[in-house]
Amino acid sequence: MIIKKAGEGLKAFTLNLSPALKTFADLDTPNPEIDAIWREAAQERWQAYKAGDLKTVSYEAVMQKYL
C-alpha cells in the first residue's frame, strides 16, 4: 500500500514537472524576433555610450556598492 501511494505521488510530481522542463527548454530555443530587439537595444546603447550621452560607473564603484 505504501509503495502504491509513493508511486502515485511520483507520477503526480512528474506530471507537474513537465511544464517547467518545457519552459526551460523553450528558453534555449533561438527566437529571431527577440534577438532583433536585443540587437537594436544594444546598438542604441553603444551609440549613446560613444556619443557621451550615457552615464558610466567605474568598476571600483560597482564593487564598493555590492561587496
PDB file of N, CA and C in Angstrom:
ATOM      1  N   MET A   1       0.821  -1.197   0.000  1.00  0.00           N
ATOM      2  CA  MET A   1       0.000   0.000   0.000  1.00  0.00           C
ATOM      3  C   MET A   1       0.865   1.262   0.000  1.00  0.00           C
ATOM      4  N   ILE A   2       1.922   1.280   0.817  1.00  0.00           N
ATOM      5  CA  ILE A   2       2.804   2.450   0.878  1.00  0.00           C
ATOM      6  C   ILE A   2       3.506   2.646  -0.462  1.00  0.00           C
ATOM      7  N   ILE A   3       3.967   1.573  -1.076  1.00  0.00           N
ATOM      8  CA  ILE A   3       4.652   1.669  -2.362  1.00  0.00           C
ATOM      9  C   ILE A   3       3.708   2.201  -3.430  1.00  0.00           C
ATOM     10  N   LYS A   4       2.467   1.783  -3.410  1.00  0.00           N
ATOM     11  CA  LYS A   4       1.500   2.257  -4.396  1.00  0.00           C
ATOM     12  C   LYS A   4       1.289   3.768  -4.238  1.00  0.00           C
ATOM     13  N   LYS A   5       1.152   4.244  -2.992  1.00  0.00           N
ATOM     14  CA  LYS A   5       0.965   5.680  -2.755  1.00  0.00           C
ATOM     15  C   LYS A   5       2.202   6.476  -3.169  1.00  0.00           C
ATOM     16  N   ALA A   6       3.376   5.930  -2.906  1.00  0.00           N
ATOM     17  CA  ALA A   6       4.614   6.603  -3.305  1.00  0.00           C
ATOM     18  C   ALA A   6       4.679   6.708  -4.822  1.00  0.00           C
ATOM     19  N   GLY A   7       4.286   5.637  -5.507  1.00  0.00           N
ATOM     20  CA  GLY A   7       4.280   5.656  -6.968  1.00  0.00           C
ATOM     21  C   GLY A   7       3.328   6.682  -7.521  1.00  0.00           C
ATOM     22  N   GLU A   8       2.150   6.820  -6.901  1.00  0.00           N
ATOM     23  CA  GLU A   8       1.174   7.818  -7.343  1.00  0.00           C
ATOM     24  C   GLU A   8       1.716   9.233  -7.123  1.00  0.00           C
ATOM     25  N   GLY A   9       2.381   9.438  -5.990  1.00  0.00           N
ATOM     26  CA  GLY A   9       2.975  10.746  -5.720  1.00  0.00           C
ATOM     27  C   GLY A   9       4.065  11.093  -6.716  1.00  0.00           C
ATOM     28  N   LEU A  10       4.876  10.108  -7.079  1.00  0.00           N
ATOM     29  CA  LEU A  10       5.946  10.323  -8.054  1.00  0.00           C
ATOM     30  C   LEU A  10       5.367  10.649  -9.421  1.00  0.00           C
ATOM     31  N   LYS A  11       4.288   9.948  -9.792  1.00  0.00           N
ATOM     32  CA  LYS A  11       3.652  10.213 -11.083  1.00  0.00           C
ATOM     33  C   LYS A  11       3.105  11.642 -11.110  1.00  0.00           C
ATOM     34  N   ALA A  12       2.449  12.069 -10.032  1.00  0.00           N
ATOM     35  CA  ALA A  12       1.907  13.429  -9.972  1.00  0.00           C
ATOM     36  C   ALA A  12       3.035  14.458 -10.037  1.00  0.00           C
ATOM     37  N   PHE A  13       4.129  14.183  -9.332  1.00  0.00           N
ATOM     38  CA  PHE A  13       5.277  15.083  -9.353  1.00  0.00           C
ATOM     39  C   PHE A  13       5.834  15.205 -10.769  1.00  0.00           C
ATOM     40  N   THR A  14       5.965  14.086 -11.444  1.00  0.00           N
ATOM     41  CA  THR A  14       6.499  14.077 -12.804  1.00  0.00           C
ATOM     42  C   THR A  14       5.595  14.839 -13.754  1.00  0.00           C
ATOM     43  N   LEU A  15       4.294  14.660 -13.623  1.00  0.00           N
ATOM     44  CA  LEU A  15       3.359  15.374 -14.500  1.00  0.00           C
ATOM     45  C   LEU A  15       3.435  16.881 -14.266  1.00  0.00           C
ATOM     46  N   ASN A  16       3.615  17.289 -13.019  1.00  0.00           N
ATOM     47  CA  ASN A  16       3.727  18.719 -12.715  1.00  0.00           C
ATOM     48  C   ASN A  16       5.067  19.288 -13.135  1.00  0.00           C
ATOM     49  N   LEU A  17       6.071  18.455 -13.206  1.00  0.00           N
ATOM     50  CA  LEU A  17       7.405  18.907 -13.575  1.00  0.00           C
ATOM     51  C   LEU A  17       7.520  19.148 -15.078  1.00  0.00           C
ATOM     52  N   SER A  18       6.784  18.413 -15.856  1.00  0.00           N
ATOM     53  CA  SER A  18       6.903  18.503 -17.310  1.00  0.00           C
ATOM     54  C   SER A  18       6.730  19.913 -17.861  1.00  0.00           C
ATOM     55  N   PRO A  19       5.718  20.693 -17.448  1.00  0.00           N
ATOM     56  CA  PRO A  19       5.604  22.063 -17.980  1.00  0.00           C
ATOM     57  C   PRO A  19       6.812  22.924 -17.626  1.00  0.00           C
ATOM     58  N   ALA A  20       7.361  22.727 -16.440  1.00  0.00           N
ATOM     59  CA  ALA A  20       8.538  23.505 -16.046  1.00  0.00           C
ATOM     60  C   ALA A  20       9.724  23.157 -16.934  1.00  0.00           C
ATOM     61  N   LEU A  21       9.918  21.881 -17.183  1.00  0.00           N
ATOM     62  CA  LEU A  21      11.022  21.473 -18.054  1.00  0.00           C
ATOM     63  C   LEU A  21      10.827  21.991 -19.465  1.00  0.00           C
ATOM     64  N   LYS A  22       9.591  21.993 -19.944  1.00  0.00           N
ATOM     65  CA  LYS A  22       9.307  22.520 -21.278  1.00  0.00           C
ATOM     66  C   LYS A  22       9.641  24.011 -21.336  1.00  0.00           C
ATOM     67  N   THR A  23       9.316  24.735 -20.279  1.00  0.00           N
ATOM     68  CA  THR A  23       9.612  26.169 -20.236  1.00  0.00           C
ATOM     69  C   THR A  23      11.113  26.411 -20.322  1.00  0.00           C
ATOM     70  N   PHE A  24      11.902  25.642 -19.559  1.00  0.00           N
ATOM     71  CA  PHE A  24      13.351  25.801 -19.620  1.00  0.00           C
ATOM     72  C   PHE A  24      13.893  25.446 -20.997  1.00  0.00           C
ATOM     73  N   ALA A  25      13.331  24.415 -21.617  1.00  0.00           N
ATOM     74  CA  ALA A  25      13.772  24.038 -22.959  1.00  0.00           C
ATOM     75  C   ALA A  25      13.455  25.157 -23.952  1.00  0.00           C
ATOM     76  N   ASP A  26      12.313  25.808 -23.776  1.00  0.00           N
ATOM     77  CA  ASP A  26      11.937  26.905 -24.667  1.00  0.00           C
ATOM     78  C   ASP A  26      12.914  28.075 -24.566  1.00  0.00           C
ATOM     79  N   LEU A  27      13.518  28.270 -23.394  1.00  0.00           N
ATOM     80  CA  LEU A  27      14.468  29.361 -23.228  1.00  0.00           C
ATOM     81  C   LEU A  27      15.718  29.157 -24.074  1.00  0.00           C
ATOM     82  N   ASP A  28      16.035  27.911 -24.388  1.00  0.00           N
ATOM     83  CA  ASP A  28      17.212  27.615 -25.203  1.00  0.00           C
ATOM     84  C   ASP A  28      16.925  27.686 -26.699  1.00  0.00           C
ATOM     85  N   THR A  29      15.673  27.845 -27.066  1.00  0.00           N
ATOM     86  CA  THR A  29      15.302  27.891 -28.472  1.00  0.00           C
ATOM     87  C   THR A  29      15.498  29.305 -28.999  1.00  0.00           C
ATOM     88  N   PRO A  30      16.297  29.474 -30.039  1.00  0.00           N
ATOM     89  CA  PRO A  30      16.508  30.814 -30.592  1.00  0.00           C
ATOM     90  C   PRO A  30      15.197  31.437 -31.063  1.00  0.00           C
ATOM     91  N   ASN A  31      15.057  32.725 -30.835  1.00  0.00           N
ATOM     92  CA  ASN A  31      13.877  33.457 -31.266  1.00  0.00           C
ATOM     93  C   ASN A  31      14.366  34.692 -32.018  1.00  0.00           C
ATOM     94  N   PRO A  32      14.287  34.671 -33.344  1.00  0.00           N
ATOM     95  CA  PRO A  32      14.811  35.788 -34.145  1.00  0.00           C
ATOM     96  C   PRO A  32      14.192  37.140 -33.790  1.00  0.00           C
ATOM     97  N   GLU A  33      12.923  37.156 -33.428  1.00  0.00           N
ATOM     98  CA  GLU A  33      12.262  38.422 -33.093  1.00  0.00           C
ATOM     99  C   GLU A  33      12.871  39.020 -31.824  1.00  0.00           C
ATOM    100  N   ILE A  34      13.065  38.192 -30.803  1.00  0.00           N
ATOM    101  CA  ILE A  34      13.667  38.676 -29.557  1.00  0.00           C
ATOM    102  C   ILE A  34      15.127  39.051 -29.789  1.00  0.00           C
ATOM    103  N   ASP A  35      15.845  38.258 -30.579  1.00  0.00           N
ATOM    104  CA  ASP A  35      17.231  38.575 -30.895  1.00  0.00           C
ATOM    105  C   ASP A  35      17.340  39.942 -31.567  1.00  0.00           C
ATOM    106  N   ALA A  36      16.413  40.244 -32.468  1.00  0.00           N
ATOM    107  CA  ALA A  36      16.434  41.531 -33.167  1.00  0.00           C
ATOM    108  C   ALA A  36      16.184  42.683 -32.200  1.00  0.00           C
ATOM    109  N   ILE A  37      15.286  42.482 -31.251  1.00  0.00           N
ATOM    110  CA  ILE A  37      15.001  43.522 -30.258  1.00  0.00           C
ATOM    111  C   ILE A  37      16.233  43.795 -29.413  1.00  0.00           C
ATOM    112  N   TRP A  38      16.886  42.727 -28.951  1.00  0.00           N
ATOM    113  CA  TRP A  38      18.107  42.896 -28.142  1.00  0.00           C
ATOM    114  C   TRP A  38      19.224  43.542 -28.962  1.00  0.00           C
ATOM    115  N   ARG A  39      19.353  43.149 -30.222  1.00  0.00           N
ATOM    116  CA  ARG A  39      20.393  43.724 -31.079  1.00  0.00           C
ATOM    117  C   ARG A  39      20.189  45.227 -31.222  1.00  0.00           C
ATOM    118  N   GLU A  40      18.949  45.639 -31.450  1.00  0.00           N
ATOM    119  CA  GLU A  40      18.647  47.070 -31.602  1.00  0.00           C
ATOM    120  C   GLU A  40      18.934  47.825 -30.304  1.00  0.00           C
ATOM    121  N   ALA A  41      18.538  47.253 -29.179  1.00  0.00           N
ATOM    122  CA  ALA A  41      18.781  47.909 -27.886  1.00  0.00           C
ATOM    123  C   ALA A  41      20.276  48.043 -27.629  1.00  0.00           C
ATOM    124  N   ALA A  42      21.035  46.994 -27.926  1.00  0.00           N
ATOM    125  CA  ALA A  42      22.483  47.038 -27.708  1.00  0.00           C
ATOM    126  C   ALA A  42      23.139  48.088 -28.606  1.00  0.00           C
ATOM    127  N   GLN A  43      22.697  48.172 -29.854  1.00  0.00           N
ATOM    128  CA  GLN A  43      23.263  49.164 -30.777  1.00  0.00           C
ATOM    129  C   GLN A  43      22.959  50.591 -30.311  1.00  0.00           C
ATOM    130  N   GLU A  44      21.734  50.798 -29.834  1.00  0.00           N
ATOM    131  CA  GLU A  44      21.369  52.129 -29.335  1.00  0.00           C
ATOM    132  C   GLU A  44      22.219  52.506 -28.121  1.00  0.00           C
ATOM    133  N   ARG A  45      22.419  51.566 -27.229  1.00  0.00           N
ATOM    134  CA  ARG A  45      23.236  51.838 -26.039  1.00  0.00           C
ATOM    135  C   ARG A  45      24.686  52.118 -26.420  1.00  0.00           C
ATOM    136  N   TRP A  46      25.215  51.340 -27.353  1.00  0.00           N
ATOM    137  CA  TRP A  46      26.593  51.540 -27.792  1.00  0.00           C
ATOM    138  C   TRP A  46      26.759  52.930 -28.416  1.00  0.00           C
ATOM    139  N   GLN A  47      25.814  53.319 -29.256  1.00  0.00           N
ATOM    140  CA  GLN A  47      25.878  54.637 -29.886  1.00  0.00           C
ATOM    141  C   GLN A  47      25.789  55.745 -28.837  1.00  0.00           C
ATOM    142  N   ALA A  48      24.916  55.575 -27.845  1.00  0.00           N
ATOM    143  CA  ALA A  48      24.792  56.573 -26.778  1.00  0.00           C
ATOM    144  C   ALA A  48      26.080  56.650 -25.972  1.00  0.00           C
ATOM    145  N   TYR A  49      26.707  55.507 -25.720  1.00  0.00           N
ATOM    146  CA  TYR A  49      27.983  55.488 -24.988  1.00  0.00           C
ATOM    147  C   TYR A  49      29.064  56.226 -25.772  1.00  0.00           C
ATOM    148  N   LYS A  50      29.165  55.901 -27.069  1.00  0.00           N
ATOM    149  CA  LYS A  50      30.190  56.548 -27.904  1.00  0.00           C
ATOM    150  C   LYS A  50      29.967  58.056 -28.009  1.00  0.00           C
ATOM    151  N   ALA A  51      28.707  58.483 -27.986  1.00  0.00           N
ATOM    152  CA  ALA A  51      28.390  59.905 -28.102  1.00  0.00           C
ATOM    153  C   ALA A  51      28.532  60.638 -26.766  1.00  0.00           C
ATOM    154  N   GLY A  52      28.777  59.894 -25.699  1.00  0.00           N
ATOM    155  CA  GLY A  52      28.920  60.511 -24.387  1.00  0.00           C
ATOM    156  C   GLY A  52      27.592  60.823 -23.716  1.00  0.00           C
ATOM    157  N   ASP A  53      26.521  60.239 -24.221  1.00  0.00           N
ATOM    158  CA  ASP A  53      25.188  60.502 -23.679  1.00  0.00           C
ATOM    159  C   ASP A  53      24.808  59.562 -22.543  1.00  0.00           C
ATOM    160  N   LEU A  54      25.662  58.609 -22.259  1.00  0.00           N
ATOM    161  CA  LEU A  54      25.371  57.619 -21.221  1.00  0.00           C
ATOM    162  C   LEU A  54      26.262  57.850 -20.023  1.00  0.00           C
ATOM    163  N   LYS A  55      25.668  57.827 -18.846  1.00  0.00           N
ATOM    164  CA  LYS A  55      26.457  57.947 -17.628  1.00  0.00           C
ATOM    165  C   LYS A  55      27.111  56.586 -17.370  1.00  0.00           C
ATOM    166  N   THR A  56      28.406  56.596 -17.106  1.00  0.00           N
ATOM    167  CA  THR A  56      29.109  55.351 -16.813  1.00  0.00           C
ATOM    168  C   THR A  56      29.473  55.290 -15.338  1.00  0.00           C
ATOM    169  N   VAL A  57      29.695  54.070 -14.874  1.00  0.00           N
ATOM    170  CA  VAL A  57      30.076  53.834 -13.486  1.00  0.00           C
ATOM    171  C   VAL A  57      31.336  52.986 -13.506  1.00  0.00           C
ATOM    172  N   SER A  58      32.317  53.378 -12.722  1.00  0.00           N
ATOM    173  CA  SER A  58      33.576  52.638 -12.705  1.00  0.00           C
ATOM    174  C   SER A  58      33.404  51.273 -12.054  1.00  0.00           C
ATOM    175  N   TYR A  59      34.289  50.373 -12.393  1.00  0.00           N
ATOM    176  CA  TYR A  59      34.312  49.035 -11.795  1.00  0.00           C
ATOM    177  C   TYR A  59      34.430  49.145 -10.279  1.00  0.00           C
ATOM    178  N   GLU A  60      35.300  50.008  -9.823  1.00  0.00           N
ATOM    179  CA  GLU A  60      35.525  50.173  -8.400  1.00  0.00           C
ATOM    180  C   GLU A  60      34.249  50.616  -7.678  1.00  0.00           C
ATOM    181  N   ALA A  61      33.496  51.522  -8.279  1.00  0.00           N
ATOM    182  CA  ALA A  61      32.253  51.991  -7.663  1.00  0.00           C
ATOM    183  C   ALA A  61      31.221  50.867  -7.562  1.00  0.00           C
ATOM    184  N   VAL A  62      31.163  50.059  -8.577  1.00  0.00           N
ATOM    185  CA  VAL A  62      30.226  48.923  -8.560  1.00  0.00           C
ATOM    186  C   VAL A  62      30.633  47.937  -7.478  1.00  0.00           C
ATOM    187  N   MET A  63      31.912  47.595  -7.422  1.00  0.00           N
ATOM    188  CA  MET A  63      32.392  46.634  -6.423  1.00  0.00           C
ATOM    189  C   MET A  63      32.213  47.164  -5.014  1.00  0.00           C
ATOM    190  N   GLN A  64      32.434  48.448  -4.815  1.00  0.00           N
ATOM    191  CA  GLN A  64      32.268  49.034  -3.493  1.00  0.00           C
ATOM    192  C   GLN A  64      30.807  48.941  -3.047  1.00  0.00           C
ATOM    193  N   LYS A  65      29.893  49.105  -3.972  1.00  0.00           N
ATOM    194  CA  LYS A  65      28.478  49.075  -3.643  1.00  0.00           C
ATOM    195  C   LYS A  65      28.017  47.649  -3.280  1.00  0.00           C
ATOM    196  N   TYR A  66      28.522  46.646  -3.972  1.00  0.00           N
ATOM    197  CA  TYR A  66      27.993  45.298  -3.813  1.00  0.00           C
ATOM    198  C   TYR A  66      28.863  44.350  -2.986  1.00  0.00           C
ATOM    199  N   LEU A  67      30.050  44.769  -2.628  1.00  0.00           N
ATOM    200  CA  LEU A  67      30.897  43.872  -1.813  1.00  0.00           C
ATOM    201  C   LEU A  67      31.048  44.364  -0.405  1.00  0.00           C
TER     202      LEU A  67
END
